[in-house]
C-alpha atoms as a PDB file:
ATOM      1  CA  MET A   1       0.128   0.156  -0.005  1.00  0.00           C
ATOM      2  CA  LEU A   2       1.181   2.985  -0.871  1.00  0.00           C
ATOM      3  CA  GLN A   3       0.261   6.459   1.317  1.00  0.00           C
ATOM      4  CA  ILE A   4       0.144   9.961  -0.334  1.00  0.00           C
ATOM      5  CA  THR A   5      -0.704  13.474   1.262  1.00  0.00           C
ATOM      6  CA  VAL A   6      -2.396  15.516  -1.571  1.00  0.00           C
ATOM      7  CA  PRO A   7      -1.412  19.147  -0.114  1.00  0.00           C
ATOM      8  CA  ALA A   8      -4.543  21.925   0.395  1.00  0.00           C
ATOM      9  CA  VAL A   9      -5.383  24.615  -2.287  1.00  0.00           C
ATOM     10  CA  GLU A  10      -7.174  27.392  -2.766  1.00  0.00           C
ATOM     11  CA  TYR A  11      -8.444  28.228  -6.334  1.00  0.00           C
ATOM     12  CA  TYR A  12     -11.077  30.181  -8.235  1.00  0.00           C
ATOM     13  CA  ASP A  13     -14.081  29.370 -10.154  1.00  0.00           C
ATOM     14  CA  GLU A  14     -15.127  31.287 -12.874  1.00  0.00           C
ATOM     15  CA  LYS A  15     -18.095  29.566 -13.578  1.00  0.00           C
ATOM     16  CA  THR A  16     -19.644  29.853 -10.145  1.00  0.00           C
ATOM     17  CA  SER A  17     -17.345  33.394  -9.129  1.00  0.00           C
ATOM     18  CA  THR A  18     -16.309  31.676  -6.032  1.00  0.00           C
ATOM     19  CA  PHE A  19     -13.415  30.734  -4.316  1.00  0.00           C
ATOM     20  CA  ILE A  20     -13.124  27.228  -3.142  1.00  0.00           C
ATOM     21  CA  SER A  21     -10.737  25.156  -1.186  1.00  0.00           C
ATOM     22  CA  THR A  22      -9.626  21.655  -0.569  1.00  0.00           C
ATOM     23  CA  ARG A  23      -8.424  20.306   2.742  1.00  0.00           C
ATOM     24  CA  GLU A  24      -5.286  18.550   2.786  1.00  0.00           C
ATOM     25  CA  GLN A  25      -6.278  14.843   2.024  1.00  0.00           C
ATOM     26  CA  THR A  26      -3.787  11.873   3.058  1.00  0.00           C
ATOM     27  CA  LEU A  27      -4.705   8.958   0.411  1.00  0.00           C
ATOM     28  CA  GLN A  28      -4.412   5.102   1.063  1.00  0.00           C
ATOM     29  CA  LEU A  29      -3.559   3.188  -2.771  1.00  0.00           C
ATOM     30  CA  GLU A  30      -3.542   0.270  -3.798  1.00  0.00           C
ATOM     31  CA  HIS A  31      -2.006  -1.293  -6.743  1.00  0.00           C
ATOM     32  CA  SER A  32      -4.312  -4.125  -7.236  1.00  0.00           C
ATOM     33  CA  LEU A  33      -6.110  -6.646  -9.508  1.00  0.00           C
ATOM     34  CA  VAL A  34      -9.279  -5.231  -8.110  1.00  0.00           C
ATOM     35  CA  SER A  35      -8.267  -1.602  -9.003  1.00  0.00           C
ATOM     36  CA  ILE A  36      -7.568  -2.429 -12.289  1.00  0.00           C
ATOM     37  CA  SER A  37     -10.639  -4.440 -12.537  1.00  0.00           C
ATOM     38  CA  ARG A  38     -12.444  -0.999 -11.942  1.00  0.00           C
ATOM     39  CA  TRP A  39     -10.767   0.706 -14.064  1.00  0.00           C
ATOM     40  CA  GLU A  40     -11.138  -1.447 -17.260  1.00  0.00           C
ATOM     41  CA  SER A  41     -15.145  -1.521 -16.213  1.00  0.00           C
ATOM     42  CA  LYS A  42     -15.443   2.322 -16.889  1.00  0.00           C
ATOM     43  CA  TRP A  43     -13.091   2.464 -19.880  1.00  0.00           C
ATOM     44  CA  HIS A  44     -13.694  -0.825 -21.289  1.00  0.00           C
ATOM     45  CA  LYS A  45     -10.123  -1.353 -22.523  1.00  0.00           C
ATOM     46  CA  PRO A  46      -7.369  -3.501 -21.290  1.00  0.00           C
ATOM     47  CA  PHE A  47      -5.239  -1.554 -18.311  1.00  0.00           C
ATOM     48  CA  LEU A  48      -1.954  -3.662 -19.122  1.00  0.00           C
ATOM     49  CA  ASN A  49      -2.107  -2.530 -22.705  1.00  0.00           C
ATOM     50  CA  PRO A  50       0.995  -0.545 -23.311  1.00  0.00           C
ATOM     51  CA  GLU A  51      -0.870   1.892 -25.383  1.00  0.00           C
ATOM     52  CA  ASN A  52      -0.597   5.409 -23.904  1.00  0.00           C
ATOM     53  CA  LYS A  53      -3.386   6.540 -21.598  1.00  0.00           C
ATOM     54  CA  THR A  54      -5.003  10.134 -21.427  1.00  0.00           C
ATOM     55  CA  ASP A  55      -4.676  12.265 -18.484  1.00  0.00           C
ATOM     56  CA  GLU A  56      -8.210  12.210 -17.840  1.00  0.00           C
ATOM     57  CA  GLU A  57      -7.626   7.861 -17.658  1.00  0.00           C
ATOM     58  CA  CYS A  58      -4.585   7.961 -15.606  1.00  0.00           C
ATOM     59  CA  ALA A  59      -6.239  10.453 -12.882  1.00  0.00           C
ATOM     60  CA  ASP A  60      -9.147   7.839 -12.783  1.00  0.00           C
ATOM     61  CA  TYR A  61      -6.908   5.127 -12.070  1.00  0.00           C
ATOM     62  CA  LEU A  62      -5.689   7.165  -9.145  1.00  0.00           C
ATOM     63  CA  ARG A  63      -9.435   7.130  -7.828  1.00  0.00           C
ATOM     64  CA  CYS A  64      -9.735   3.489  -8.536  1.00  0.00           C
ATOM     65  CA  MET A  65      -6.341   2.571  -6.652  1.00  0.00           C
ATOM     66  CA  THR A  66      -7.943   4.543  -3.582  1.00  0.00           C
ATOM     67  CA  ILE A  67      -9.094   2.566  -0.815  1.00  0.00           C
ATOM     68  CA  THR A  68      -9.522   5.719   1.775  1.00  0.00           C
ATOM     69  CA  GLN A  69     -13.364   6.188   2.054  1.00  0.00           C
ATOM     70  CA  ASN A  70     -15.318   9.438   1.761  1.00  0.00           C
ATOM     71  CA  VAL A  71     -12.810  11.084  -0.180  1.00  0.00           C
ATOM     72  CA  ASP A  72     -13.492  14.714  -1.967  1.00  0.00           C
ATOM     73  CA  PRO A  73     -13.308  14.242  -5.840  1.00  0.00           C
ATOM     74  CA  ARG A  74     -12.008  17.293  -5.929  1.00  0.00           C
ATOM     75  CA  VAL A  75      -8.485  16.395  -4.401  1.00  0.00           C
ATOM     76  CA  TYR A  76      -7.255  14.436  -7.695  1.00  0.00           C
ATOM     77  CA  SER A  77      -7.245  17.488  -9.171  1.00  0.00           C
ATOM     78  CA  ASN A  78      -4.970  19.006  -6.382  1.00  0.00           C
ATOM     79  CA  VAL A  79      -2.237  15.576  -7.149  1.00  0.00           C
ATOM     80  CA  THR A  80       1.041  16.994  -7.843  1.00  0.00           C
ATOM     81  CA  PRO A  81       3.484  15.974 -10.876  1.00  0.00           C
ATOM     82  CA  GLU A  82       5.788  14.848  -7.712  1.00  0.00           C
ATOM     83  CA  LEU A  83       3.077  12.629  -6.201  1.00  0.00           C
ATOM     84  CA  TYR A  84       2.286  11.359  -9.460  1.00  0.00           C
ATOM     85  CA  ARG A  85       5.962  10.075  -9.765  1.00  0.00           C
ATOM     86  CA  LEU A  86       5.849   8.713  -6.675  1.00  0.00           C
ATOM     87  CA  VAL A  87       2.489   6.535  -7.551  1.00  0.00           C
ATOM     88  CA  ASP A  88       4.390   5.695 -10.772  1.00  0.00           C
ATOM     89  CA  ALA A  89       7.227   4.593  -9.204  1.00  0.00           C
ATOM     90  CA  TYR A  90       5.065   2.164  -6.607  1.00  0.00           C
ATOM     91  CA  ILE A  91       3.068   1.016  -9.605  1.00  0.00           C
ATOM     92  CA  ASP A  92       6.589  -0.398 -11.530  1.00  0.00           C
ATOM     93  CA  ALA A  93       8.047  -1.756  -8.094  1.00  0.00           C
ATOM     94  CA  SER A  94       8.465  -5.669  -8.032  1.00  0.00           C
ATOM     95  CA  MET A  95       6.962  -6.109  -4.402  1.00  0.00           C
ATOM     96  CA  THR A  96       8.972  -9.465  -4.564  1.00  0.00           C
ATOM     97  CA  ALA A  97      12.133 -10.893  -3.937  1.00  0.00           C
ATOM     98  CA  THR A  98      11.303 -13.819  -6.407  1.00  0.00           C
ATOM     99  CA  TRP A  99      13.607 -12.828  -9.720  1.00  0.00           C
ATOM    100  CA  PHE A 100      13.510 -14.775 -13.164  1.00  0.00           C
ATOM    101  CA  SER A 101      16.170 -15.169 -15.437  1.00  0.00           C
ATOM    102  CA  ASP A 102      14.267 -16.066 -18.514  1.00  0.00           C
ATOM    103  CA  PRO A 103      11.709 -13.465 -20.205  1.00  0.00           C
ATOM    104  CA  PRO A 104       7.635 -14.225 -19.710  1.00  0.00           C
ATOM    105  CA  LYS A 105       6.670 -16.874 -22.148  1.00  0.00           C
ATOM    106  CA  GLY A 106       3.577 -14.883 -22.451  1.00  0.00           C
ATOM    107  CA  ALA A 107       4.986 -11.625 -23.884  1.00  0.00           C
ATOM    108  CA  LYS A 108       5.917 -13.937 -26.882  1.00  0.00           C
ATOM    109  CA  ASN A 109       2.038 -14.108 -28.250  1.00  0.00           C
ATOM    110  CA  HIS A 110       1.114 -10.486 -27.573  1.00  0.00           C
ATOM    111  CA  GLU A 111      -2.273 -12.136 -25.610  1.00  0.00           C
ATOM    112  CA  ILE A 112      -3.925  -8.696 -24.638  1.00  0.00           C
ATOM    113  CA  ILE A 113      -4.295  -9.576 -20.555  1.00  0.00           C
ATOM    114  CA  THR A 114      -7.505  -7.992 -18.751  1.00  0.00           C
ATOM    115  CA  ALA A 115      -8.882  -8.486 -15.385  1.00  0.00           C
ATOM    116  CA  GLU A 116     -10.536 -11.453 -16.438  1.00  0.00           C
ATOM    117  CA  ILE A 117      -7.481 -13.164 -17.663  1.00  0.00           C
ATOM    118  CA  ILE A 118      -5.896 -13.007 -14.361  1.00  0.00           C
ATOM    119  CA  TYR A 119      -8.573 -13.990 -12.672  1.00  0.00           C
ATOM    120  CA  TYR A 120      -8.675 -17.197 -15.070  1.00  0.00           C
ATOM    121  CA  TRP A 121      -5.511 -17.857 -14.348  1.00  0.00           C
ATOM    122  CA  MET A 122      -5.710 -17.150 -10.553  1.00  0.00           C
ATOM    123  CA  ILE A 123      -8.722 -19.782 -10.814  1.00  0.00           C
ATOM    124  CA  SER A 124      -6.911 -22.127 -12.831  1.00  0.00           C
ATOM    125  CA  LEU A 125      -3.567 -22.437 -10.442  1.00  0.00           C
ATOM    126  CA  ASN A 126      -6.229 -22.323  -7.407  1.00  0.00           C
ATOM    127  CA  ILE A 127      -5.095 -19.280  -5.993  1.00  0.00           C
ATOM    128  CA  PRO A 128      -7.125 -17.431  -3.609  1.00  0.00           C
ATOM    129  CA  PHE A 129      -9.327 -14.515  -4.652  1.00  0.00           C
ATOM    130  CA  GLU A 130      -7.560 -12.756  -1.253  1.00  0.00           C
ATOM    131  CA  CYS A 131      -4.751 -12.267  -3.497  1.00  0.00           C
ATOM    132  CA  GLN A 132      -6.645 -10.107  -5.711  1.00  0.00           C
ATOM    133  CA  LYS A 133      -6.003  -7.406  -2.982  1.00  0.00           C
ATOM    134  CA  TRP A 134      -2.069  -7.770  -3.233  1.00  0.00           C
ATOM    135  CA  HIS A 135       0.210  -5.509  -5.546  1.00  0.00           C
ATOM    136  CA  LEU A 136      -0.154  -6.371  -9.000  1.00  0.00           C
ATOM    137  CA  ASN A 137       3.186  -7.267  -9.632  1.00  0.00           C
ATOM    138  CA  LYS A 138       3.507  -9.490  -6.443  1.00  0.00           C
ATOM    139  CA  LEU A 139       0.458 -11.343  -7.858  1.00  0.00           C
ATOM    140  CA  LEU A 140       1.699 -11.760 -11.646  1.00  0.00           C
ATOM    141  CA  ALA A 141       4.995 -13.180  -9.493  1.00  0.00           C
ATOM    142  CA  LEU A 142       3.178 -15.777  -8.112  1.00  0.00           C
ATOM    143  CA  ILE A 143       1.216 -16.805 -11.141  1.00  0.00           C
ATOM    144  CA  ARG A 144       4.050 -17.162 -12.969  1.00  0.00           C
ATOM    145  CA  VAL A 145       6.122 -19.265 -10.345  1.00  0.00           C
ATOM    146  CA  CYS A 146       2.991 -21.320 -10.411  1.00  0.00           C
ATOM    147  CA  ASN A 147       3.066 -22.039 -13.724  1.00  0.00           C
ATOM    148  CA  SER A 148       6.975 -22.594 -13.785  1.00  0.00           C
ATOM    149  CA  LYS A 149       6.813 -25.098 -10.790  1.00  0.00           C
ATOM    150  CA  ASN A 150       3.442 -26.663 -12.664  1.00  0.00           C
ATOM    151  CA  ALA A 151       4.972 -27.205 -15.895  1.00  0.00           C
ATOM    152  CA  PRO A 152       6.508 -30.545 -17.146  1.00  0.00           C
ATOM    153  CA  LYS A 153      10.538 -30.292 -16.911  1.00  0.00           C
ATOM    154  CA  LYS A 154      12.576 -29.825 -19.590  1.00  0.00           C
ATOM    155  CA  LYS A 155      14.451 -32.403 -22.370  1.00  0.00           C
ATOM    156  CA  MET A 156      18.634 -31.950 -22.420  1.00  0.00           C
ATOM    157  CA  SER A 157      19.619 -31.491 -25.507  1.00  0.00           C
ATOM    158  CA  ARG A 158      21.653 -34.449 -26.725  1.00  0.00           C
ATOM    159  CA  LYS A 159      24.213 -31.441 -26.722  1.00  0.00           C
ATOM    160  CA  ASP A 160      23.577 -30.826 -23.222  1.00  0.00           C
ATOM    161  CA  ILE A 161      23.537 -34.851 -22.136  1.00  0.00           C
ATOM    162  CA  TYR A 162      27.074 -35.380 -23.889  1.00  0.00           C
ATOM    163  CA  SER A 163      28.552 -32.767 -22.064  1.00  0.00           C
ATOM    164  CA  GLN A 164      27.324 -33.843 -18.842  1.00  0.00           C
ATOM    165  CA  ASN A 165      28.671 -37.542 -19.545  1.00  0.00           C
ATOM    166  CA  ARG A 166      31.761 -35.885 -20.451  1.00  0.00           C
ATOM    167  CA  GLU A 167      31.825 -34.065 -17.188  1.00  0.00           C
ATOM    168  CA  LEU A 168      30.753 -37.119 -15.118  1.00  0.00           C
ATOM    169  CA  ASN A 169      33.554 -39.186 -17.046  1.00  0.00           C
ATOM    170  CA  ALA A 170      36.075 -36.945 -16.390  1.00  0.00           C
ATOM    171  CA  ALA A 171      35.335 -36.572 -12.560  1.00  0.00           C
ATOM    172  CA  ARG A 172      35.102 -40.350 -11.954  1.00  0.00           C
ATOM    173  CA  LYS A 173      38.832 -40.669 -13.711  1.00  0.00           C
ATOM    174  CA  LYS A 174      40.067 -37.991 -11.998  1.00  0.00           C
ATOM    175  CA  HIS A 175      38.738 -39.675  -8.520  1.00  0.00           C
ATOM    176  CA  LEU A 176      39.785 -42.964  -9.387  1.00  0.00           C
ATOM    177  CA  ASN A 177      43.300 -42.327 -11.329  1.00  0.00           C
ATOM    178  CA  THR A 178      42.845 -43.894 -14.277  1.00  0.00           C
ATOM    179  CA  LYS A 179      42.994 -42.929 -17.956  1.00  0.00           C
ATOM    180  CA  GLY A 180      39.600 -44.877 -19.218  1.00  0.00           C
END
């Protein structure tokens, strides 16, 4: 969870000819599958799609991430660029100690990933639904770990088998002090 404090702002509304002030507000944010699902329900497009999002869509994702109750909607217009950088860093954080040496297999097929696809993965891998509130990157790492652990073992190539046998034979010859 990320906590940001949006500063108090006073501005003039030309439509109503009045001064409007918003108080300082602390927002608790979660970048989770629940947040993405809310955003996709409103915008009808995949959040994880690499296409650029409009400023309005980005601001709305901030609303979807907010778990703080009873937030004045005007507060979101006061979010500073520095706070947006903090939010972006939070979204990009891995939130796990797990790392992968190979690229994800899904990157090759260009499948469009939506919240429903991720829910499907959770169901098929028997991941409990309380994980939908985890940081999204942590959830995706868990899904990837489950997939790799459930995958059949890769067969060794002929070249790798021969190489392994050569190493074993060399070690045996050295241990037994023989030439073969």
